[in-house]
Amino acid sequence: MKFYDCAPAPSPRLVRMFIAEKGLSEAIETVEVDLREKEQMGEAFQAINPFLTVPTLETDDGMRFLTSNGCWRYLEETHPEPALLGTTITEKARIADAVWRAEQEGFLAVGEALRNTAKGMVDRALTGPHNYAQIAELGARGKQRVEHFFELLDSTLADQVFFAGDHFSAADIMAFVTVEFAGWLKLGLSEDATHARRWYDAVKARPSAAV
């Protein structure tokens, strides 16, 4: 398999951590795509992923998965242990809910704020092959949404060890990368977010957090 990555970027880190948790880091070839130099916009990468984004996972038979969730699902089905998307019906549904919540209200909110305010992303307010103008109001709204997600994260973790229950899962990967991504905006967990900070320290200590 080949994993198309960009080390500084948050989106491929979601899959990089998943790969590390599965113990597959040495088994999957990594191809670095330089987003700062807009390598993803070139014809060579466009032939690999027409949406011009990473992560992209290419299987040995040439099939490609172009989203973090697609990559996760393929890796989970082909390498089921340790389970990161759940084992029972209830676990799978609960993790899916938590992943969606963290992605929609946290990860994408950070992206909304960053892409609508960063000088280097003028006319690139959304990823992909099309240019979109920045909207300053969306930048402000995105930051507010991130703060609300941090409050949700802390309250959720008051009654459970991990974001989707008692076991580490893909939901924790999504939430953890979101917290670190928010640092690009100089946003972070508040001092009184004791539950979220306890969880963050535990996830940060995992070897996969260092990849």
Protein backbone atom coordinates (compact mmCIF):
# COMPACT_ATOMS: atom_id res chain seq x y z
CA MET A 1 0.00 0.00 0.00
CA LYS A 2 0.94 3.65 -0.47
CA PHE A 3 -0.10 6.48 1.81
CA TYR A 4 -0.01 9.97 0.33
CA ASP A 5 0.81 12.25 3.23
CA CYS A 6 1.91 15.77 4.13
CA ALA A 7 3.62 15.74 7.51
CA PRO A 8 2.63 19.24 8.72
CA ALA A 9 -1.02 18.95 7.66
CA PRO A 10 -3.78 17.86 10.07
CA SER A 11 -5.99 15.88 7.66
CA PRO A 12 -3.43 13.20 6.76
CA ARG A 13 -2.39 13.04 10.40
CA LEU A 14 -5.80 11.54 11.12
CA VAL A 15 -4.84 8.54 9.00
CA ARG A 16 -1.18 8.53 10.05
CA MET A 17 -2.22 8.09 13.69
CA PHE A 18 -4.69 5.37 12.68
CA ILE A 19 -1.94 3.55 10.78
CA ALA A 20 0.39 3.82 13.78
CA GLU A 21 -2.27 2.47 16.17
CA LYS A 22 -2.69 -0.50 13.83
CA GLY A 23 1.07 -1.12 13.88
CA LEU A 24 1.31 -0.63 10.11
CA SER A 25 3.71 2.30 9.88
CA GLU A 26 6.54 0.13 8.57
CA ALA A 27 4.31 -1.88 6.24
CA ILE A 28 2.81 1.04 4.29
CA GLU A 29 4.92 3.16 1.97
CA THR A 30 4.58 6.89 2.59
CA VAL A 31 4.69 9.37 -0.28
CA GLU A 32 5.11 12.96 0.88
CA VAL A 33 3.07 15.60 -0.99
CA ASP A 34 4.33 19.15 -0.49
CA LEU A 35 1.19 21.23 0.02
CA ARG A 36 3.17 24.40 0.70
CA GLU A 37 4.61 24.18 -2.80
CA LYS A 38 1.14 23.30 -4.14
CA GLU A 39 2.32 19.91 -5.37
CA GLN A 40 -1.25 18.66 -4.97
CA MET A 41 -2.34 21.03 -7.73
CA GLY A 42 -0.02 19.48 -10.32
CA GLU A 43 -1.05 17.04 -13.03
CA ALA A 44 0.85 14.14 -11.46
CA PHE A 45 -1.09 14.24 -8.19
CA GLN A 46 -4.34 15.17 -9.92
CA ALA A 47 -4.11 11.81 -11.71
CA ILE A 48 -3.95 10.14 -8.29
CA ASN A 49 -6.64 12.19 -6.55
CA PRO A 50 -8.81 14.52 -8.66
CA PHE A 51 -9.94 16.30 -5.47
CA LEU A 52 -6.31 17.39 -4.90
CA THR A 53 -6.29 16.47 -1.22
CA VAL A 54 -4.44 14.30 1.24
CA PRO A 55 -4.83 11.81 2.81
CA THR A 56 -5.00 9.35 -0.03
CA LEU A 57 -4.50 5.61 0.46
CA GLU A 58 -3.65 3.41 -2.52
CA THR A 59 -4.08 -0.35 -2.16
CA ASP A 60 -1.84 -2.98 -3.71
CA ASP A 61 -4.39 -3.55 -6.48
CA GLY A 62 -4.52 0.15 -7.36
CA MET A 63 -7.75 1.16 -5.63
CA ARG A 64 -7.62 4.54 -3.92
CA PHE A 65 -9.47 5.97 -0.93
CA LEU A 66 -9.57 9.74 -0.80
CA THR A 67 -10.90 10.69 2.63
CA SER A 68 -9.84 9.97 6.19
CA ASN A 69 -13.02 7.99 6.79
CA GLY A 70 -12.52 5.93 3.63
CA CYS A 71 -8.92 5.20 4.59
CA TRP A 72 -9.96 4.30 8.13
CA ARG A 73 -12.66 1.91 6.98
CA TYR A 74 -10.38 0.06 4.57
CA LEU A 75 -7.64 -0.30 7.18
CA GLU A 76 -10.11 -1.41 9.85
CA GLU A 77 -11.61 -4.10 7.62
CA THR A 78 -8.25 -5.41 6.41
CA HIS A 79 -6.52 -5.15 9.80
CA PRO A 80 -9.28 -5.44 12.43
CA GLU A 81 -7.01 -5.48 15.50
CA PRO A 82 -6.87 -3.33 17.48
CA ALA A 83 -10.40 -2.19 16.67
CA LEU A 84 -10.62 1.58 16.29
CA LEU A 85 -14.11 1.81 14.77
CA GLY A 86 -15.81 -0.48 17.28
CA THR A 87 -16.57 -4.20 17.58
CA THR A 88 -20.22 -4.42 18.61
CA ILE A 89 -23.10 -2.76 16.80
CA THR A 90 -23.51 -0.30 19.66
CA GLU A 91 -19.81 0.56 19.77
CA LYS A 92 -19.65 1.12 16.02
CA ALA A 93 -22.66 3.43 16.10
CA ARG A 94 -21.40 5.33 19.14
CA ILE A 95 -17.95 5.85 17.63
CA ALA A 96 -19.47 6.94 14.31
CA ASP A 97 -21.55 9.54 16.16
CA ALA A 98 -18.53 10.82 18.08
CA VAL A 99 -16.33 10.98 14.97
CA TRP A 100 -19.01 12.97 13.15
CA ARG A 101 -19.42 15.36 16.08
CA ALA A 102 -15.69 15.98 16.44
CA GLU A 103 -15.21 16.42 12.71
CA GLN A 104 -18.20 18.66 12.05
CA GLU A 105 -18.10 20.82 15.15
CA GLY A 106 -14.37 20.77 15.83
CA PHE A 107 -12.04 19.85 12.97
CA LEU A 108 -14.02 21.57 10.21
CA ALA A 109 -14.61 24.59 12.43
CA VAL A 110 -10.84 25.05 12.80
CA GLY A 111 -10.50 24.72 9.04
CA GLU A 112 -13.27 27.26 8.49
CA ALA A 113 -11.54 29.79 10.73
CA LEU A 114 -8.06 29.21 9.33
CA ARG A 115 -8.92 29.17 5.65
CA ASN A 116 -11.00 32.31 5.90
CA THR A 117 -8.34 34.34 7.72
CA ALA A 118 -4.86 33.10 6.70
CA LYS A 119 -3.09 35.38 4.23
CA GLY A 120 -1.59 32.39 2.43
CA MET A 121 -5.05 31.00 1.69
CA VAL A 122 -6.58 33.92 -0.16
CA ASP A 123 -9.00 32.45 -2.72
CA ARG A 124 -8.39 28.99 -1.19
CA ALA A 125 -11.07 29.08 1.50
CA LEU A 126 -11.98 25.47 0.67
CA THR A 127 -9.78 22.57 -0.34
CA GLY A 128 -10.10 21.00 -3.77
CA PRO A 129 -9.78 21.93 -7.43
CA HIS A 130 -11.89 25.11 -7.27
CA ASN A 131 -10.96 28.50 -5.83
CA TYR A 132 -13.25 30.13 -3.26
CA ALA A 133 -12.87 33.59 -1.77
CA GLN A 134 -12.34 34.08 1.93
CA ILE A 135 -15.23 35.39 4.03
CA ALA A 136 -14.02 37.15 7.17
CA GLU A 137 -17.27 36.48 9.05
CA LEU A 138 -16.74 32.73 8.61
CA GLY A 139 -13.33 33.08 10.19
CA ALA A 140 -14.85 34.62 13.30
CA ARG A 141 -17.65 32.09 13.37
CA GLY A 142 -15.21 29.22 13.03
CA LYS A 143 -13.27 30.33 16.10
CA GLN A 144 -16.48 30.54 18.09
CA ARG A 145 -17.46 27.05 16.98
CA VAL A 146 -14.08 25.71 18.11
CA GLU A 147 -14.59 27.17 21.59
CA HIS A 148 -17.99 25.52 21.78
CA PHE A 149 -16.49 22.20 20.70
CA PHE A 150 -13.91 22.41 23.47
CA GLU A 151 -16.73 22.91 25.97
CA LEU A 152 -18.53 19.88 24.55
CA LEU A 153 -15.35 17.81 24.71
CA ASP A 154 -14.79 18.65 28.37
CA SER A 155 -18.37 17.95 29.40
CA THR A 156 -18.45 14.65 27.48
CA LEU A 157 -15.24 13.46 29.12
CA ALA A 158 -16.57 14.17 32.60
CA ASP A 159 -18.35 10.82 32.57
CA GLN A 160 -16.12 8.62 30.39
CA VAL A 161 -12.46 7.90 29.78
CA PHE A 162 -12.44 8.48 26.03
CA PHE A 163 -14.53 10.54 23.67
CA ALA A 164 -16.72 7.63 22.56
CA GLY A 165 -16.69 5.57 25.74
CA ASP A 166 -14.26 3.45 27.73
CA HIS A 167 -11.87 2.54 24.90
CA PHE A 168 -9.54 4.55 22.68
CA SER A 169 -10.99 4.87 19.18
CA ALA A 170 -10.96 6.85 15.95
CA ALA A 171 -13.15 9.41 17.73
CA ASP A 172 -10.20 10.23 19.97
CA ILE A 173 -7.93 10.59 16.96
CA MET A 174 -10.34 13.06 15.37
CA ALA A 175 -10.78 15.05 18.60
CA PHE A 176 -7.07 15.02 19.47
CA VAL A 177 -5.94 16.20 16.04
CA THR A 178 -8.63 18.89 16.25
CA VAL A 179 -7.21 20.21 19.53
CA GLU A 180 -3.69 20.31 18.08
CA PHE A 181 -4.95 21.84 14.81
CA ALA A 182 -6.64 24.59 16.81
CA GLY A 183 -3.20 25.61 18.02
CA TRP A 184 -2.65 27.06 14.54
CA LEU A 185 -5.27 29.62 15.55
CA LYS A 186 -3.72 30.06 19.01
CA LEU A 187 -6.78 28.39 20.51
CA GLY A 188 -6.52 25.71 23.17
CA LEU A 189 -8.24 23.95 26.03
CA SER A 190 -8.96 26.29 28.91
CA GLU A 191 -7.27 25.84 32.29
CA ASP A 192 -10.55 24.77 33.88
CA ALA A 193 -11.26 22.10 31.22
CA THR A 194 -9.91 19.48 33.60
CA HIS A 195 -11.61 16.49 31.99
CA ALA A 196 -10.49 17.39 28.48
CA ARG A 197 -6.97 18.12 29.71
CA ARG A 198 -6.75 14.73 31.46
CA TRP A 199 -7.87 13.04 28.24
CA TYR A 200 -5.53 15.14 26.08
CA ASP A 201 -2.50 14.24 28.19
CA ALA A 202 -3.39 10.54 27.99
CA VAL A 203 -3.72 10.61 24.19
CA LYS A 204 -0.59 12.76 23.83
CA ALA A 205 1.36 10.05 25.66
CA ARG A 206 0.42 7.39 23.09
CA PRO A 207 3.18 6.58 20.55
CA SER A 208 0.79 7.32 17.68
CA ALA A 209 0.55 10.97 18.80
CA ALA A 210 4.20 11.46 17.91
CA VAL A 211 3.86 10.50 14.24
